[in-house]
C-alpha atoms as a PDB file:
ATOM      1  CA  UNK A   1      -1.766 -25.038  36.501  1.00  0.00           C
ATOM      2  CA  UNK A   2      -0.553 -28.759  36.436  1.00  0.00           C
ATOM      3  CA  UNK A   3       0.091 -31.042  33.324  1.00  0.00           C
ATOM      4  CA  UNK A   4       0.140 -35.015  32.266  1.00  0.00           C
ATOM      5  CA  UNK A   5       3.871 -36.462  32.809  1.00  0.00           C
ATOM      6  CA  UNK A   6       5.997 -34.974  30.144  1.00  0.00           C
ATOM      7  CA  UNK A   7       3.739 -32.547  29.179  1.00  0.00           C
ATOM      8  CA  UNK A   8       4.606 -28.732  30.173  1.00  0.00           C
ATOM      9  CA  UNK A   9       1.634 -26.889  28.179  1.00  0.00           C
ATOM     10  CA  UNK A  10      -1.578 -27.814  26.896  1.00  0.00           C
ATOM     11  CA  UNK A  11      -2.756 -27.311  22.886  1.00  0.00           C
ATOM     12  CA  UNK A  12      -3.997 -24.525  23.314  1.00  0.00           C
ATOM     13  CA  UNK A  13      -0.540 -22.856  24.544  1.00  0.00           C
ATOM     14  CA  UNK A  14       0.686 -20.063  22.414  1.00  0.00           C
ATOM     15  CA  UNK A  15       3.360 -21.434  20.381  1.00  0.00           C
ATOM     16  CA  UNK A  16       6.558 -19.486  21.544  1.00  0.00           C
ATOM     17  CA  UNK A  17       8.324 -17.318  18.996  1.00  0.00           C
ATOM     18  CA  UNK A  18      11.443 -17.192  17.573  1.00  0.00           C
ATOM     19  CA  UNK A  19      14.223 -15.550  19.454  1.00  0.00           C
ATOM     20  CA  UNK A  20      15.947 -14.448  16.588  1.00  0.00           C
ATOM     21  CA  UNK A  21      13.074 -13.754  13.906  1.00  0.00           C
ATOM     22  CA  UNK A  22      10.047 -13.675  16.074  1.00  0.00           C
ATOM     23  CA  UNK A  23       7.912 -15.645  14.032  1.00  0.00           C
ATOM     24  CA  UNK A  24       5.935 -18.878  15.567  1.00  0.00           C
ATOM     25  CA  UNK A  25       7.919 -22.766  15.458  1.00  0.00           C
ATOM     26  CA  UNK A  26       5.744 -23.378  12.541  1.00  0.00           C
ATOM     27  CA  UNK A  27       6.473 -20.677  10.235  1.00  0.00           C
ATOM     28  CA  UNK A  28      10.425 -20.120  11.517  1.00  0.00           C
ATOM     29  CA  UNK A  29      12.733 -20.598   8.961  1.00  0.00           C
ATOM     30  CA  UNK A  30      15.937 -19.389  10.637  1.00  0.00           C
ATOM     31  CA  UNK A  31      18.669 -21.834   9.335  1.00  0.00           C
ATOM     32  CA  UNK A  32      20.587 -24.360  11.145  1.00  0.00           C
ATOM     33  CA  UNK A  33      23.967 -22.739  13.567  1.00  0.00           C
ATOM     34  CA  UNK A  34      26.857 -24.693  11.539  1.00  0.00           C
ATOM     35  CA  UNK A  35      28.634 -24.488  15.003  1.00  0.00           C
ATOM     36  CA  UNK A  36      26.532 -25.956  17.078  1.00  0.00           C
ATOM     37  CA  UNK A  37      23.994 -26.843  15.136  1.00  0.00           C
ATOM     38  CA  UNK A  38      20.627 -25.443  17.339  1.00  0.00           C
ATOM     39  CA  UNK A  39      18.138 -23.093  15.371  1.00  0.00           C
ATOM     40  CA  UNK A  40      17.030 -20.740  16.956  1.00  0.00           C
ATOM     41  CA  UNK A  41      19.846 -19.330  19.263  1.00  0.00           C
ATOM     42  CA  UNK A  42      19.685 -15.443  18.971  1.00  0.00           C
ATOM     43  CA  UNK A  43      23.566 -15.714  20.694  1.00  0.00           C
ATOM     44  CA  UNK A  44      24.726 -17.531  17.520  1.00  0.00           C
ATOM     45  CA  UNK A  45      24.063 -14.431  15.535  1.00  0.00           C
ATOM     46  CA  UNK A  46      26.780 -12.643  17.331  1.00  0.00           C
ATOM     47  CA  UNK A  47      29.332 -15.703  18.512  1.00  0.00           C
ATOM     48  CA  UNK A  48      29.293 -17.653  15.403  1.00  0.00           C
ATOM     49  CA  UNK A  49      28.653 -14.949  12.371  1.00  0.00           C
ATOM     50  CA  UNK A  50      25.062 -17.322  12.008  1.00  0.00           C
ATOM     51  CA  UNK A  51      23.615 -14.701   8.879  1.00  0.00           C
ATOM     52  CA  UNK A  52      20.077 -15.147   8.542  1.00  0.00           C
ATOM     53  CA  UNK A  53      17.914 -14.389   5.060  1.00  0.00           C
ATOM     54  CA  UNK A  54      15.701 -11.271   5.750  1.00  0.00           C
ATOM     55  CA  UNK A  55      16.793 -10.951   9.397  1.00  0.00           C
ATOM     56  CA  UNK A  56      18.993  -7.909  10.327  1.00  0.00           C
ATOM     57  CA  UNK A  57      19.714  -7.488  13.575  1.00  0.00           C
ATOM     58  CA  UNK A  58      20.684  -4.454  16.151  1.00  0.00           C
ATOM     59  CA  UNK A  59      24.274  -5.722  15.146  1.00  0.00           C
ATOM     60  CA  UNK A  60      23.901  -5.885  11.639  1.00  0.00           C
ATOM     61  CA  UNK A  61      22.224  -2.121  11.352  1.00  0.00           C
ATOM     62  CA  UNK A  62      25.479  -0.901  13.514  1.00  0.00           C
ATOM     63  CA  UNK A  63      27.744  -2.413  10.914  1.00  0.00           C
ATOM     64  CA  UNK A  64      26.354  -0.905   7.622  1.00  0.00           C
ATOM     65  CA  UNK A  65      26.022   2.329   9.211  1.00  0.00           C
ATOM     66  CA  UNK A  66      29.199   2.551  10.186  1.00  0.00           C
ATOM     67  CA  UNK A  67      29.434   5.025  12.401  1.00  0.00           C
ATOM     68  CA  UNK A  68      28.952   4.374  16.303  1.00  0.00           C
ATOM     69  CA  UNK A  69      28.929   0.657  18.142  1.00  0.00           C
ATOM     70  CA  UNK A  70      25.940   1.933  20.816  1.00  0.00           C
ATOM     71  CA  UNK A  71      22.471   2.068  19.494  1.00  0.00           C
ATOM     72  CA  UNK A  72      21.725   5.251  20.539  1.00  0.00           C
ATOM     73  CA  UNK A  73      25.599   7.078  19.667  1.00  0.00           C
ATOM     74  CA  UNK A  74      24.962   5.447  15.231  1.00  0.00           C
ATOM     75  CA  UNK A  75      21.286   7.202  16.238  1.00  0.00           C
ATOM     76  CA  UNK A  76      22.488  10.197  16.950  1.00  0.00           C
ATOM     77  CA  UNK A  77      25.011  10.382  14.237  1.00  0.00           C
ATOM     78  CA  UNK A  78      22.639  10.082  11.774  1.00  0.00           C
ATOM     79  CA  UNK A  79      20.435  12.710  12.964  1.00  0.00           C
ATOM     80  CA  UNK A  80      23.127  14.887  13.470  1.00  0.00           C
ATOM     81  CA  UNK A  81      25.108  14.450  10.162  1.00  0.00           C
ATOM     82  CA  UNK A  82      22.501  14.140   8.052  1.00  0.00           C
ATOM     83  CA  UNK A  83      19.124  15.629   6.399  1.00  0.00           C
ATOM     84  CA  UNK A  84      16.921  12.417   7.795  1.00  0.00           C
ATOM     85  CA  UNK A  85      16.112  10.970  11.265  1.00  0.00           C
ATOM     86  CA  UNK A  86      15.684   7.131  11.153  1.00  0.00           C
ATOM     87  CA  UNK A  87      14.596   5.065  13.849  1.00  0.00           C
ATOM     88  CA  UNK A  88      14.143   1.457  13.703  1.00  0.00           C
ATOM     89  CA  UNK A  89      11.695  -1.122  15.884  1.00  0.00           C
ATOM     90  CA  UNK A  90      12.871  -4.041  17.195  1.00  0.00           C
ATOM     91  CA  UNK A  91      10.379  -7.328  18.222  1.00  0.00           C
ATOM     92  CA  UNK A  92       7.564  -6.066  20.639  1.00  0.00           C
ATOM     93  CA  UNK A  93       8.957  -2.556  20.512  1.00  0.00           C
ATOM     94  CA  UNK A  94       7.639   0.323  19.407  1.00  0.00           C
ATOM     95  CA  UNK A  95       9.686   3.359  17.501  1.00  0.00           C
ATOM     96  CA  UNK A  96      13.309   3.266  19.288  1.00  0.00           C
ATOM     97  CA  UNK A  97      15.153   6.669  18.090  1.00  0.00           C
ATOM     98  CA  UNK A  98      18.522   8.156  19.961  1.00  0.00           C
ATOM     99  CA  UNK A  99      16.280  10.357  21.937  1.00  0.00           C
ATOM    100  CA  UNK A 100      14.979   6.881  23.358  1.00  0.00           C
ATOM    101  CA  UNK A 101      15.586   7.060  27.097  1.00  0.00           C
ATOM    102  CA  UNK A 102      18.734   5.820  27.732  1.00  0.00           C
ATOM    103  CA  UNK A 103      18.346   2.520  29.641  1.00  0.00           C
ATOM    104  CA  UNK A 104      14.997   1.171  27.428  1.00  0.00           C
ATOM    105  CA  UNK A 105      18.217   1.679  24.780  1.00  0.00           C
ATOM    106  CA  UNK A 106      20.447   0.140  26.255  1.00  0.00           C
ATOM    107  CA  UNK A 107      18.332  -3.001  27.196  1.00  0.00           C
ATOM    108  CA  UNK A 108      17.897  -3.710  23.428  1.00  0.00           C
ATOM    109  CA  UNK A 109      20.036  -6.678  22.501  1.00  0.00           C
ATOM    110  CA  UNK A 110      22.992  -6.482  19.409  1.00  0.00           C
ATOM    111  CA  UNK A 111      20.943  -9.834  18.257  1.00  0.00           C
ATOM    112  CA  UNK A 112      17.918  -8.192  18.392  1.00  0.00           C
ATOM    113  CA  UNK A 113      15.896  -8.604  15.329  1.00  0.00           C
ATOM    114  CA  UNK A 114      15.145  -4.907  13.219  1.00  0.00           C
ATOM    115  CA  UNK A 115      11.301  -5.587  12.303  1.00  0.00           C
ATOM    116  CA  UNK A 116      10.791  -2.388  10.818  1.00  0.00           C
ATOM    117  CA  UNK A 117      13.248   0.793   9.826  1.00  0.00           C
ATOM    118  CA  UNK A 118      11.505   4.124   9.122  1.00  0.00           C
ATOM    119  CA  UNK A 119      13.449   7.275   8.753  1.00  0.00           C
ATOM    120  CA  UNK A 120      11.389  11.702   8.353  1.00  0.00           C
ATOM    121  CA  UNK A 121      12.889  15.245   7.123  1.00  0.00           C
ATOM    122  CA  UNK A 122      11.481  18.502   7.935  1.00  0.00           C
ATOM    123  CA  UNK A 123      12.234  21.777   5.082  1.00  0.00           C
ATOM    124  CA  UNK A 124      13.581  24.088   7.861  1.00  0.00           C
ATOM    125  CA  UNK A 125      12.448  26.883   6.371  1.00  0.00           C
ATOM    126  CA  UNK A 126       9.298  27.566   8.765  1.00  0.00           C
ATOM    127  CA  UNK A 127       6.582  25.987   5.488  1.00  0.00           C
ATOM    128  CA  UNK A 128       5.743  22.351   8.515  1.00  0.00           C
ATOM    129  CA  UNK A 129       7.137  20.497   5.279  1.00  0.00           C
ATOM    130  CA  UNK A 130       7.120  16.679   6.611  1.00  0.00           C
ATOM    131  CA  UNK A 131       8.101  13.641   4.998  1.00  0.00           C
ATOM    132  CA  UNK A 132       7.782  10.403   6.731  1.00  0.00           C
ATOM    133  CA  UNK A 133       8.639   6.345   5.751  1.00  0.00           C
ATOM    134  CA  UNK A 134       8.710   3.818   7.344  1.00  0.00           C
ATOM    135  CA  UNK A 135       9.174  -0.093   6.078  1.00  0.00           C
ATOM    136  CA  UNK A 136       9.160  -3.734   7.334  1.00  0.00           C
ATOM    137  CA  UNK A 137      12.753  -4.062   7.399  1.00  0.00           C
ATOM    138  CA  UNK A 138      14.396  -7.559   5.781  1.00  0.00           C
ATOM    139  CA  UNK A 139      18.079  -6.409   4.714  1.00  0.00           C
ATOM    140  CA  UNK A 140      20.441  -2.855   5.104  1.00  0.00           C
ATOM    141  CA  UNK A 141      18.895  -2.198   1.020  1.00  0.00           C
ATOM    142  CA  UNK A 142      15.878  -0.979   3.259  1.00  0.00           C
ATOM    143  CA  UNK A 143      17.634   1.000   5.494  1.00  0.00           C
ATOM    144  CA  UNK A 144      19.594   2.656   2.690  1.00  0.00           C
ATOM    145  CA  UNK A 145      15.610   2.755   0.788  1.00  0.00           C
ATOM    146  CA  UNK A 146      14.202   4.786   4.246  1.00  0.00           C
ATOM    147  CA  UNK A 147      17.282   7.279   4.090  1.00  0.00           C
ATOM    148  CA  UNK A 148      17.617   7.599   0.270  1.00  0.00           C
ATOM    149  CA  UNK A 149      13.727   8.425   0.373  1.00  0.00           C
ATOM    150  CA  UNK A 150      13.790  10.870   2.609  1.00  0.00           C
ATOM    151  CA  UNK A 151      16.603  12.658   0.425  1.00  0.00           C
ATOM    152  CA  UNK A 152      14.659  12.266  -2.528  1.00  0.00           C
ATOM    153  CA  UNK A 153      11.656  14.121  -1.088  1.00  0.00           C
ATOM    154  CA  UNK A 154      13.262  16.791   0.549  1.00  0.00           C
ATOM    155  CA  UNK A 155      15.154  17.219  -2.823  1.00  0.00           C
ATOM    156  CA  UNK A 156      11.550  17.126  -4.544  1.00  0.00           C
ATOM    157  CA  UNK A 157      10.395  19.768  -2.071  1.00  0.00           C
ATOM    158  CA  UNK A 158      13.111  22.254  -2.531  1.00  0.00           C
ATOM    159  CA  UNK A 159      13.486  22.080  -6.263  1.00  0.00           C
ATOM    160  CA  UNK A 160       9.452  22.934  -6.940  1.00  0.00           C
ATOM    161  CA  UNK A 161       8.518  26.250  -7.820  1.00  0.00           C
END
């Protein structure tokens, strides 16, 4: 479609979403990068150490867990060495688990925003008891919260008469 000179879109086109927070240009409140003075540039999160309040990136998730430097390795380590099973959602994706297709996990960029984090656990006693929780992710505290909720749910189940 051709637009008048100097225009690349119409007022009816959807606003592009910010690559960091996933919000429209009108709603984005990402800060200016102090080093390159740009807004909404995902590379600034890694290259310049830019932090955006309320935004947890895949890299920040990996750093917070602190056991592996790949998404698959981190999710797998949690599953193998904890009582809970953790997943994340990044902008525009479904749940990403350690058993998600390896090419899909490798394609997730480290600056991608983690929009949701979830965890679940199962009582391995033949009872079919399960606990699951998923919340919007705005800080590493949300990661801790879902993991602790699973541990608490399992402890409550195990202590019930």
